[in-house]
């Protein structure tokens, strides 16, 4: 089973969803190349549905300027 992680872009601070085996990910917001292993990991999920829900919560809280409280944090 593939696990998913949510990392933070080092350039723009956007949240990115990546599979745990991915080496790099291109930020959809600023286009920079993010090395997943070196990026700040903020959450993990066991499946795509859970990962999508976590990512949506992170983005909503960030838009409101609040802190995020998730069940599965690093």
N, C-alpha and C. Protein backbone atom coordinates (compact mmCIF):
# COMPACT_ATOMS: atom_id res chain seq x y z
N UNK A 1 0.84 -1.19 0.00
CA UNK A 1 0.00 0.00 0.00
C UNK A 1 0.88 1.25 0.00
N UNK A 2 0.53 2.18 -0.82
CA UNK A 2 1.27 3.43 -0.91
C UNK A 2 0.80 4.40 0.17
N UNK A 3 1.75 4.98 0.86
CA UNK A 3 1.43 6.03 1.82
C UNK A 3 1.66 7.37 1.17
N UNK A 4 0.97 8.37 1.66
CA UNK A 4 1.06 9.72 1.14
C UNK A 4 1.55 10.64 2.24
N UNK A 5 2.31 11.66 1.84
CA UNK A 5 2.77 12.66 2.79
C UNK A 5 2.45 14.05 2.24
N UNK A 6 2.28 14.98 3.14
CA UNK A 6 2.07 16.38 2.76
C UNK A 6 3.29 17.14 3.24
N UNK A 7 3.92 17.84 2.30
CA UNK A 7 5.12 18.61 2.59
C UNK A 7 4.89 20.07 2.24
N UNK A 8 5.79 20.91 2.71
CA UNK A 8 5.70 22.35 2.47
C UNK A 8 6.77 22.76 1.45
N UNK A 9 6.37 23.52 0.45
CA UNK A 9 7.31 24.03 -0.55
C UNK A 9 8.27 25.00 0.14
N UNK A 10 9.56 24.83 -0.10
CA UNK A 10 10.54 25.69 0.55
C UNK A 10 10.58 27.10 -0.04
N UNK A 11 10.04 27.26 -1.23
CA UNK A 11 10.08 28.57 -1.87
C UNK A 11 8.84 29.41 -1.55
N UNK A 12 7.65 28.83 -1.73
CA UNK A 12 6.43 29.64 -1.56
C UNK A 12 5.60 29.27 -0.33
N UNK A 13 5.91 28.13 0.32
CA UNK A 13 5.16 27.72 1.50
C UNK A 13 3.89 26.97 1.20
N UNK A 14 3.63 26.65 -0.06
CA UNK A 14 2.44 25.90 -0.43
C UNK A 14 2.52 24.45 0.03
N UNK A 15 1.37 23.84 0.24
CA UNK A 15 1.32 22.45 0.66
C UNK A 15 1.27 21.55 -0.57
N UNK A 16 2.08 20.50 -0.55
CA UNK A 16 2.17 19.57 -1.66
C UNK A 16 1.87 18.16 -1.19
N UNK A 17 1.16 17.42 -2.00
CA UNK A 17 0.87 16.03 -1.72
C UNK A 17 1.85 15.18 -2.52
N UNK A 18 2.49 14.23 -1.86
CA UNK A 18 3.46 13.36 -2.54
C UNK A 18 3.32 11.93 -2.03
N UNK A 19 3.64 11.00 -2.89
CA UNK A 19 3.69 9.61 -2.46
C UNK A 19 5.00 9.42 -1.72
N UNK A 20 5.00 8.53 -0.74
CA UNK A 20 6.18 8.40 0.13
C UNK A 20 7.45 7.96 -0.59
N UNK A 21 7.33 7.37 -1.77
CA UNK A 21 8.52 6.93 -2.49
C UNK A 21 9.05 7.98 -3.47
N UNK A 22 8.32 9.09 -3.67
CA UNK A 22 8.76 10.12 -4.61
C UNK A 22 10.00 10.82 -4.11
N UNK A 23 10.93 11.08 -5.01
CA UNK A 23 12.16 11.80 -4.68
C UNK A 23 11.94 13.30 -4.74
N UNK A 24 11.27 13.76 -5.80
CA UNK A 24 11.01 15.19 -5.99
C UNK A 24 9.57 15.41 -6.39
N UNK A 25 9.16 16.65 -6.25
CA UNK A 25 7.80 17.06 -6.62
C UNK A 25 7.89 18.49 -7.10
N UNK A 26 7.19 18.82 -8.17
CA UNK A 26 7.15 20.20 -8.65
C UNK A 26 5.98 20.91 -7.99
N UNK A 27 6.25 22.05 -7.40
CA UNK A 27 5.21 22.81 -6.72
C UNK A 27 4.21 23.34 -7.75
N UNK A 28 2.93 23.06 -7.57
CA UNK A 28 1.94 23.55 -8.53
C UNK A 28 1.67 25.04 -8.40
N UNK A 29 2.17 25.66 -7.35
CA UNK A 29 1.92 27.08 -7.12
C UNK A 29 3.03 27.97 -7.68
N UNK A 30 4.29 27.58 -7.46
CA UNK A 30 5.40 28.43 -7.90
C UNK A 30 6.30 27.76 -8.93
N UNK A 31 6.12 26.46 -9.16
CA UNK A 31 6.90 25.76 -10.16
C UNK A 31 8.27 25.30 -9.72
N UNK A 32 8.63 25.52 -8.47
CA UNK A 32 9.95 25.10 -8.01
C UNK A 32 9.99 23.60 -7.77
N UNK A 33 11.18 23.03 -7.87
CA UNK A 33 11.38 21.61 -7.64
C UNK A 33 11.63 21.40 -6.15
N UNK A 34 10.83 20.55 -5.53
CA UNK A 34 10.94 20.29 -4.10
C UNK A 34 11.49 18.89 -3.91
N UNK A 35 12.56 18.77 -3.14
CA UNK A 35 13.12 17.47 -2.78
C UNK A 35 12.31 16.98 -1.58
N UNK A 36 11.49 15.99 -1.82
CA UNK A 36 10.54 15.52 -0.81
C UNK A 36 11.23 15.12 0.49
N UNK A 37 12.34 14.44 0.40
CA UNK A 37 13.07 13.98 1.58
C UNK A 37 13.54 15.14 2.48
N UNK A 38 13.87 16.27 1.87
CA UNK A 38 14.39 17.42 2.63
C UNK A 38 13.32 18.42 3.03
N UNK A 39 12.14 18.30 2.45
CA UNK A 39 11.06 19.25 2.73
C UNK A 39 10.44 18.97 4.10
N UNK A 40 9.84 19.99 4.66
CA UNK A 40 9.17 19.86 5.95
C UNK A 40 7.91 19.03 5.76
N UNK A 41 7.81 17.94 6.48
CA UNK A 41 6.65 17.06 6.42
C UNK A 41 5.65 17.48 7.50
N UNK A 42 4.40 17.71 7.09
CA UNK A 42 3.41 18.18 8.05
C UNK A 42 2.32 17.18 8.35
N UNK A 43 2.13 16.19 7.48
CA UNK A 43 1.09 15.18 7.73
C UNK A 43 1.35 13.96 6.87
N UNK A 44 0.71 12.85 7.24
CA UNK A 44 0.82 11.61 6.48
C UNK A 44 -0.54 10.95 6.43
N UNK A 45 -0.75 10.16 5.38
CA UNK A 45 -2.02 9.45 5.21
C UNK A 45 -1.74 8.09 4.60
N UNK A 46 -2.62 7.15 4.86
CA UNK A 46 -2.46 5.80 4.34
C UNK A 46 -3.06 5.63 2.95
N UNK A 47 -4.00 6.50 2.58
CA UNK A 47 -4.62 6.37 1.26
C UNK A 47 -4.90 7.74 0.66
N UNK A 48 -5.24 7.75 -0.62
CA UNK A 48 -5.43 9.01 -1.34
C UNK A 48 -6.59 9.83 -0.80
N UNK A 49 -7.64 9.16 -0.39
CA UNK A 49 -8.81 9.87 0.14
C UNK A 49 -8.47 10.61 1.43
N UNK A 50 -7.81 9.94 2.34
CA UNK A 50 -7.40 10.56 3.60
C UNK A 50 -6.42 11.71 3.34
N UNK A 51 -5.50 11.50 2.42
CA UNK A 51 -4.51 12.53 2.09
C UNK A 51 -5.20 13.77 1.52
N UNK A 52 -6.17 13.57 0.67
CA UNK A 52 -6.90 14.68 0.07
C UNK A 52 -7.65 15.48 1.14
N UNK A 53 -8.25 14.78 2.09
CA UNK A 53 -8.97 15.45 3.18
C UNK A 53 -8.00 16.27 4.04
N UNK A 54 -6.86 15.69 4.38
CA UNK A 54 -5.86 16.40 5.18
C UNK A 54 -5.34 17.64 4.45
N UNK A 55 -5.08 17.49 3.17
CA UNK A 55 -4.58 18.60 2.37
C UNK A 55 -5.60 19.73 2.31
N UNK A 56 -6.86 19.37 2.12
CA UNK A 56 -7.93 20.38 2.07
C UNK A 56 -8.02 21.14 3.40
N UNK A 57 -7.92 20.42 4.53
CA UNK A 57 -7.96 21.07 5.84
C UNK A 57 -6.79 22.02 6.03
N UNK A 58 -5.61 21.59 5.62
CA UNK A 58 -4.43 22.45 5.71
C UNK A 58 -4.60 23.73 4.92
N UNK A 59 -5.09 23.60 3.71
CA UNK A 59 -5.27 24.77 2.84
C UNK A 59 -6.34 25.71 3.39
N UNK A 60 -7.42 25.16 3.92
CA UNK A 60 -8.48 25.99 4.51
C UNK A 60 -7.96 26.78 5.70
N UNK A 61 -7.23 26.11 6.59
CA UNK A 61 -6.69 26.78 7.77
C UNK A 61 -5.65 27.83 7.39
N UNK A 62 -4.82 27.52 6.41
CA UNK A 62 -3.80 28.48 5.96
C UNK A 62 -4.47 29.72 5.38
N UNK A 63 -5.55 29.53 4.65
CA UNK A 63 -6.27 30.66 4.05
C UNK A 63 -6.88 31.55 5.13
N UNK A 64 -7.23 30.95 6.25
CA UNK A 64 -7.82 31.71 7.36
C UNK A 64 -6.76 32.25 8.31
N UNK A 65 -5.50 31.84 8.09
CA UNK A 65 -4.40 32.31 8.93
C UNK A 65 -4.32 31.61 10.26
N UNK A 66 -4.94 30.45 10.38
CA UNK A 66 -4.94 29.73 11.65
C UNK A 66 -4.00 28.56 11.68
N UNK A 67 -3.83 28.02 12.87
CA UNK A 67 -3.01 26.81 13.03
C UNK A 67 -3.87 25.61 12.69
N UNK A 68 -3.20 24.57 12.26
CA UNK A 68 -3.91 23.36 11.84
C UNK A 68 -3.71 22.27 12.86
N UNK A 69 -4.82 21.63 13.26
CA UNK A 69 -4.74 20.49 14.16
C UNK A 69 -5.24 19.28 13.39
N UNK A 70 -4.33 18.36 13.12
CA UNK A 70 -4.66 17.17 12.36
C UNK A 70 -4.47 15.94 13.24
N UNK A 71 -5.14 14.86 12.87
CA UNK A 71 -5.01 13.63 13.64
C UNK A 71 -3.65 12.99 13.42
N UNK A 72 -3.16 13.01 12.19
CA UNK A 72 -1.90 12.32 11.87
C UNK A 72 -0.82 13.31 11.50
N UNK A 73 -0.15 13.86 12.45
CA UNK A 73 0.92 14.80 12.19
C UNK A 73 2.25 14.16 12.47
N UNK A 74 3.30 14.74 11.90
CA UNK A 74 4.66 14.31 12.18
C UNK A 74 5.16 15.02 13.39
